[in-house]
Amino acid sequence: MKARRTPWWQYVAAAVLGLLAGIGLAVYGERSGLSLIGAPWVVAGLLAVLGMIVLVLALQVHKYANTDPKKRPHSFVNPTVAVYTLVLAKALGLAGAALAGWYGGQILMSVGHFEAPFYHDAVIECAVSAVICVADMIIGIIGEWLCQLPPNEGPENPKMKAVSRPRNTAQAYKQ
């Protein structure tokens, strides 16, 4: 299995979709009188903690993958944990982009009513959450990079192509 890096356009698409959804929610709230804008402070705290957990896991996977196998300390990092960390980093990056757009859309639609205490608080909550979501997106992208395996000395390696090798196994056994 070969994991591919998340393309840049997927982050942009997630942010744009989140922005449109946030704008739609704010417009719906103004028309219906049922305001759903803002973000509880618990959400911002949980997003920050989740980003730190993914960063710590990705750093551990990177350290484990880049040390000499003979000198590796005993740790809980194994291939399953490394794959789960990679998936978490990918998910955190895309979710961070989408949520940053979501909160950004709410800010754009609510900044005109900034004088009202409710909108003032909602804009500040959304701004803090949006900054944390952008940080989570960056942590996700960095975490995805940290989970890459170093190149091995296999047949695909450019160094190995320079060395002449027998074409088939019968020739290898004759030598």
C-alpha atoms as a PDB file:
ATOM      1  CA  MET A   1       0.000   0.000   0.000  1.00  0.00           C
ATOM      2  CA  LYS A   2       1.290   3.397  -0.901  1.00  0.00           C
ATOM      3  CA  ALA A   3      -0.303   6.440   0.699  1.00  0.00           C
ATOM      4  CA  ARG A   4      -0.421   9.572  -1.392  1.00  0.00           C
ATOM      5  CA  ARG A   5      -0.124  13.123  -0.133  1.00  0.00           C
ATOM      6  CA  THR A   6      -3.316  15.133   0.014  1.00  0.00           C
ATOM      7  CA  PRO A   7      -3.360  17.517  -2.980  1.00  0.00           C
ATOM      8  CA  TRP A   8      -3.433  21.251  -2.221  1.00  0.00           C
ATOM      9  CA  TRP A   9      -6.687  21.765  -4.084  1.00  0.00           C
ATOM     10  CA  GLN A  10      -8.561  19.524  -1.644  1.00  0.00           C
ATOM     11  CA  TYR A  11      -7.712  21.927   1.197  1.00  0.00           C
ATOM     12  CA  VAL A  12      -8.918  24.847  -0.915  1.00  0.00           C
ATOM     13  CA  ALA A  13     -12.114  23.004  -1.862  1.00  0.00           C
ATOM     14  CA  ALA A  14     -12.802  22.134   1.790  1.00  0.00           C
ATOM     15  CA  ALA A  15     -12.251  25.746   2.850  1.00  0.00           C
ATOM     16  CA  VAL A  16     -14.513  27.098   0.097  1.00  0.00           C
ATOM     17  CA  LEU A  17     -17.282  24.607   0.908  1.00  0.00           C
ATOM     18  CA  GLY A  18     -16.975  25.469   4.588  1.00  0.00           C
ATOM     19  CA  LEU A  19     -17.100  29.184   3.765  1.00  0.00           C
ATOM     20  CA  LEU A  20     -20.282  28.753   1.729  1.00  0.00           C
ATOM     21  CA  ALA A  21     -21.877  26.665   4.473  1.00  0.00           C
ATOM     22  CA  GLY A  22     -20.955  29.243   7.131  1.00  0.00           C
ATOM     23  CA  ILE A  23     -22.401  32.061   5.026  1.00  0.00           C
ATOM     24  CA  GLY A  24     -25.539  30.017   4.445  1.00  0.00           C
ATOM     25  CA  LEU A  25     -25.957  29.371   8.164  1.00  0.00           C
ATOM     26  CA  ALA A  26     -25.565  33.055   9.016  1.00  0.00           C
ATOM     27  CA  VAL A  27     -28.033  34.107   6.314  1.00  0.00           C
ATOM     28  CA  TYR A  28     -30.529  31.506   7.517  1.00  0.00           C
ATOM     29  CA  GLY A  29     -30.120  32.747  11.068  1.00  0.00           C
ATOM     30  CA  GLU A  30     -30.851  36.345  10.050  1.00  0.00           C
ATOM     31  CA  ARG A  31     -33.935  35.415   8.024  1.00  0.00           C
ATOM     32  CA  SER A  32     -35.461  32.973  10.466  1.00  0.00           C
ATOM     33  CA  GLY A  33     -34.577  34.672  13.724  1.00  0.00           C
ATOM     34  CA  LEU A  34     -32.985  31.440  14.975  1.00  0.00           C
ATOM     35  CA  SER A  35     -29.352  32.300  15.441  1.00  0.00           C
ATOM     36  CA  LEU A  36     -26.922  29.404  15.205  1.00  0.00           C
ATOM     37  CA  ILE A  37     -23.704  31.368  14.716  1.00  0.00           C
ATOM     38  CA  GLY A  38     -20.761  31.268  17.050  1.00  0.00           C
ATOM     39  CA  ALA A  39     -18.743  28.489  18.612  1.00  0.00           C
ATOM     40  CA  PRO A  40     -18.602  27.400  22.226  1.00  0.00           C
ATOM     41  CA  TRP A  41     -15.197  27.825  23.827  1.00  0.00           C
ATOM     42  CA  VAL A  42     -15.113  24.086  24.491  1.00  0.00           C
ATOM     43  CA  VAL A  43     -14.965  23.473  20.727  1.00  0.00           C
ATOM     44  CA  ALA A  44     -11.925  25.695  20.331  1.00  0.00           C
ATOM     45  CA  GLY A  45     -10.219  23.963  23.247  1.00  0.00           C
ATOM     46  CA  LEU A  46     -10.951  20.485  21.907  1.00  0.00           C
ATOM     47  CA  LEU A  47      -9.687  21.420  18.447  1.00  0.00           C
ATOM     48  CA  ALA A  48      -6.454  22.738  19.940  1.00  0.00           C
ATOM     49  CA  VAL A  49      -5.943  19.593  22.044  1.00  0.00           C
ATOM     50  CA  LEU A  50      -6.658  17.373  19.032  1.00  0.00           C
ATOM     51  CA  GLY A  51      -4.074  19.255  16.982  1.00  0.00           C
ATOM     52  CA  MET A  52      -1.434  18.820  19.684  1.00  0.00           C
ATOM     53  CA  ILE A  53      -2.155  15.078  19.976  1.00  0.00           C
ATOM     54  CA  VAL A  54      -1.778  14.573  16.222  1.00  0.00           C
ATOM     55  CA  LEU A  55       1.449  16.595  16.187  1.00  0.00           C
ATOM     56  CA  VAL A  56       2.967  14.564  19.041  1.00  0.00           C
ATOM     57  CA  LEU A  57       1.985  11.277  17.376  1.00  0.00           C
ATOM     58  CA  ALA A  58       3.392  12.397  14.017  1.00  0.00           C
ATOM     59  CA  LEU A  59       6.676  13.457  15.628  1.00  0.00           C
ATOM     60  CA  GLN A  60       6.967  10.047  17.296  1.00  0.00           C
ATOM     61  CA  VAL A  61       6.306   8.252  14.003  1.00  0.00           C
ATOM     62  CA  HIS A  62       8.889  10.448  12.257  1.00  0.00           C
ATOM     63  CA  LYS A  63      11.491   9.815  14.932  1.00  0.00           C
ATOM     64  CA  TYR A  64      10.858   6.069  14.857  1.00  0.00           C
ATOM     65  CA  ALA A  65      10.946   5.838  11.051  1.00  0.00           C
ATOM     66  CA  ASN A  66      14.174   7.809  10.706  1.00  0.00           C
ATOM     67  CA  THR A  67      16.295   6.077  13.347  1.00  0.00           C
ATOM     68  CA  ASP A  68      18.483   3.102  12.617  1.00  0.00           C
ATOM     69  CA  PRO A  69      16.507  -0.123  13.222  1.00  0.00           C
ATOM     70  CA  LYS A  70      19.298  -1.422  15.474  1.00  0.00           C
ATOM     71  CA  LYS A  71      19.211   1.698  17.666  1.00  0.00           C
ATOM     72  CA  ARG A  72      15.432   2.118  17.925  1.00  0.00           C
ATOM     73  CA  PRO A  73      14.146   2.356  21.456  1.00  0.00           C
ATOM     74  CA  HIS A  74      11.216   0.205  22.440  1.00  0.00           C
ATOM     75  CA  SER A  75       8.092   2.286  21.898  1.00  0.00           C
ATOM     76  CA  PHE A  76       4.440   1.876  21.058  1.00  0.00           C
ATOM     77  CA  VAL A  77       4.973   2.916  17.429  1.00  0.00           C
ATOM     78  CA  ASN A  78       4.211   0.073  15.069  1.00  0.00           C
ATOM     79  CA  PRO A  79       2.919   0.056  11.493  1.00  0.00           C
ATOM     80  CA  THR A  80      -0.714   0.181  12.604  1.00  0.00           C
ATOM     81  CA  VAL A  81      -0.157   3.197  14.844  1.00  0.00           C
ATOM     82  CA  ALA A  82       1.828   4.890  12.064  1.00  0.00           C
ATOM     83  CA  VAL A  83      -0.996   4.388   9.553  1.00  0.00           C
ATOM     84  CA  TYR A  84      -3.603   5.611  12.036  1.00  0.00           C
ATOM     85  CA  THR A  85      -1.470   8.678  12.708  1.00  0.00           C
ATOM     86  CA  LEU A  86      -1.220   9.354   8.980  1.00  0.00           C
ATOM     87  CA  VAL A  87      -5.001   9.050   8.606  1.00  0.00           C
ATOM     88  CA  LEU A  88      -5.521  11.355  11.600  1.00  0.00           C
ATOM     89  CA  ALA A  89      -3.162  13.932  10.107  1.00  0.00           C
ATOM     90  CA  LYS A  90      -4.965  13.829   6.749  1.00  0.00           C
ATOM     91  CA  ALA A  91      -8.364  14.125   8.427  1.00  0.00           C
ATOM     92  CA  LEU A  92      -7.191  16.949  10.700  1.00  0.00           C
ATOM     93  CA  GLY A  93      -5.845  18.920   7.741  1.00  0.00           C
ATOM     94  CA  LEU A  94      -9.052  18.647   5.710  1.00  0.00           C
ATOM     95  CA  ALA A  95     -11.350  19.192   8.705  1.00  0.00           C
ATOM     96  CA  GLY A  96      -9.284  22.185   9.782  1.00  0.00           C
ATOM     97  CA  ALA A  97      -9.644  23.729   6.328  1.00  0.00           C
ATOM     98  CA  ALA A  98     -13.400  23.104   6.212  1.00  0.00           C
ATOM     99  CA  LEU A  99     -13.998  24.428   9.720  1.00  0.00           C
ATOM    100  CA  ALA A 100     -11.814  27.482   9.119  1.00  0.00           C
ATOM    101  CA  GLY A 101     -14.029  28.260   6.124  1.00  0.00           C
ATOM    102  CA  TRP A 102     -17.155  27.575   8.213  1.00  0.00           C
ATOM    103  CA  TYR A 103     -16.160  30.028  10.917  1.00  0.00           C
ATOM    104  CA  GLY A 104     -14.824  32.509   8.348  1.00  0.00           C
ATOM    105  CA  GLY A 105     -18.198  32.532   6.574  1.00  0.00           C
ATOM    106  CA  GLN A 106     -19.966  33.269   9.845  1.00  0.00           C
ATOM    107  CA  ILE A 107     -17.529  36.100  10.541  1.00  0.00           C
ATOM    108  CA  LEU A 108     -18.070  37.626   7.092  1.00  0.00           C
ATOM    109  CA  MET A 109     -21.830  37.687   7.514  1.00  0.00           C
ATOM    110  CA  SER A 110     -21.808  38.869  11.148  1.00  0.00           C
ATOM    111  CA  VAL A 111     -19.146  41.578  11.082  1.00  0.00           C
ATOM    112  CA  GLY A 112     -21.720  44.135   9.874  1.00  0.00           C
ATOM    113  CA  HIS A 113     -23.602  43.736  13.165  1.00  0.00           C
ATOM    114  CA  PHE A 114     -20.478  43.907  15.303  1.00  0.00           C
ATOM    115  CA  GLU A 115     -21.919  46.643  17.559  1.00  0.00           C
ATOM    116  CA  ALA A 116     -24.575  44.307  18.968  1.00  0.00           C
ATOM    117  CA  PRO A 117     -23.290  42.355  21.981  1.00  0.00           C
ATOM    118  CA  PHE A 118     -24.461  38.971  20.647  1.00  0.00           C
ATOM    119  CA  TYR A 119     -22.745  39.413  17.283  1.00  0.00           C
ATOM    120  CA  HIS A 120     -19.659  40.867  18.957  1.00  0.00           C
ATOM    121  CA  ASP A 121     -19.255  37.740  21.065  1.00  0.00           C
ATOM    122  CA  ALA A 122     -20.060  35.447  18.134  1.00  0.00           C
ATOM    123  CA  VAL A 123     -17.465  37.099  15.879  1.00  0.00           C
ATOM    124  CA  ILE A 124     -14.778  36.810  18.561  1.00  0.00           C
ATOM    125  CA  GLU A 125     -15.647  33.144  19.203  1.00  0.00           C
ATOM    126  CA  CYS A 126     -15.583  32.396  15.480  1.00  0.00           C
ATOM    127  CA  ALA A 127     -12.298  34.255  15.000  1.00  0.00           C
ATOM    128  CA  VAL A 128     -10.576  32.287  17.759  1.00  0.00           C
ATOM    129  CA  SER A 129     -11.968  29.014  16.408  1.00  0.00           C
ATOM    130  CA  ALA A 130     -10.946  29.913  12.850  1.00  0.00           C
ATOM    131  CA  VAL A 131      -7.361  30.624  13.928  1.00  0.00           C
ATOM    132  CA  ILE A 132      -7.213  27.295  15.765  1.00  0.00           C
ATOM    133  CA  CYS A 133      -8.657  25.522  12.704  1.00  0.00           C
ATOM    134  CA  VAL A 134      -6.024  27.072  10.428  1.00  0.00           C
ATOM    135  CA  ALA A 135      -3.377  25.897  12.905  1.00  0.00           C
ATOM    136  CA  ASP A 136      -4.939  22.421  12.833  1.00  0.00           C
ATOM    137  CA  MET A 137      -4.843  22.429   9.036  1.00  0.00           C
ATOM    138  CA  ILE A 138      -1.148  23.324   9.113  1.00  0.00           C
ATOM    139  CA  ILE A 139      -0.479  20.658  11.755  1.00  0.00           C
ATOM    140  CA  GLY A 140      -2.318  18.141   9.567  1.00  0.00           C
ATOM    141  CA  ILE A 141      -0.190  19.000   6.540  1.00  0.00           C
ATOM    142  CA  ILE A 142       3.024  18.854   8.583  1.00  0.00           C
ATOM    143  CA  GLY A 143       1.892  15.644  10.293  1.00  0.00           C
ATOM    144  CA  GLU A 144       1.245  14.057   6.922  1.00  0.00           C
ATOM    145  CA  TRP A 145       4.771  14.995   5.859  1.00  0.00           C
ATOM    146  CA  LEU A 146       6.240  13.663   9.117  1.00  0.00           C
ATOM    147  CA  CYS A 147       4.608  10.268   8.570  1.00  0.00           C
ATOM    148  CA  GLN A 148       6.451   9.677   5.287  1.00  0.00           C
ATOM    149  CA  LEU A 149       8.854   6.786   5.252  1.00  0.00           C
ATOM    150  CA  PRO A 150      12.446   7.515   4.285  1.00  0.00           C
ATOM    151  CA  PRO A 151      13.536   6.073   0.929  1.00  0.00           C
ATOM    152  CA  ASN A 152      14.743   2.497   1.190  1.00  0.00           C
ATOM    153  CA  GLU A 153      17.583   0.805  -0.601  1.00  0.00           C
ATOM    154  CA  GLY A 154      15.209  -1.195  -2.789  1.00  0.00           C
ATOM    155  CA  PRO A 155      15.267  -1.616  -6.556  1.00  0.00           C
ATOM    156  CA  GLU A 156      13.482   1.741  -7.104  1.00  0.00           C
ATOM    157  CA  ASN A 157      16.274   3.676  -5.440  1.00  0.00           C
ATOM    158  CA  PRO A 158      18.389   5.693  -7.914  1.00  0.00           C
ATOM    159  CA  LYS A 159      21.598   4.429  -6.268  1.00  0.00           C
ATOM    160  CA  MET A 160      20.647   0.836  -7.010  1.00  0.00           C
ATOM    161  CA  LYS A 161      20.094   1.458 -10.732  1.00  0.00           C
ATOM    162  CA  ALA A 162      23.726   2.456 -11.189  1.00  0.00           C
ATOM    163  CA  VAL A 163      24.934  -0.927  -9.920  1.00  0.00           C
ATOM    164  CA  SER A 164      24.828  -3.586 -12.596  1.00  0.00           C
ATOM    165  CA  ARG A 165      22.747  -6.582 -11.618  1.00  0.00           C
ATOM    166  CA  PRO A 166      22.110  -9.850 -13.404  1.00  0.00           C
ATOM    167  CA  ARG A 167      18.920  -9.827 -15.469  1.00  0.00           C
ATOM    168  CA  ASN A 168      17.452 -13.028 -14.089  1.00  0.00           C
ATOM    169  CA  THR A 169      17.915 -15.341 -11.140  1.00  0.00           C
ATOM    170  CA  ALA A 170      19.569 -18.115 -13.177  1.00  0.00           C
ATOM    171  CA  GLN A 171      22.475 -15.796 -13.929  1.00  0.00           C
ATOM    172  CA  ALA A 172      22.675 -14.785 -10.273  1.00  0.00           C
ATOM    173  CA  TYR A 173      23.083 -18.386  -9.125  1.00  0.00           C
ATOM    174  CA  LYS A 174      25.825 -19.102 -11.684  1.00  0.00           C
ATOM    175  CA  GLN A 175      28.044 -16.349 -10.300  1.00  0.00           C
END
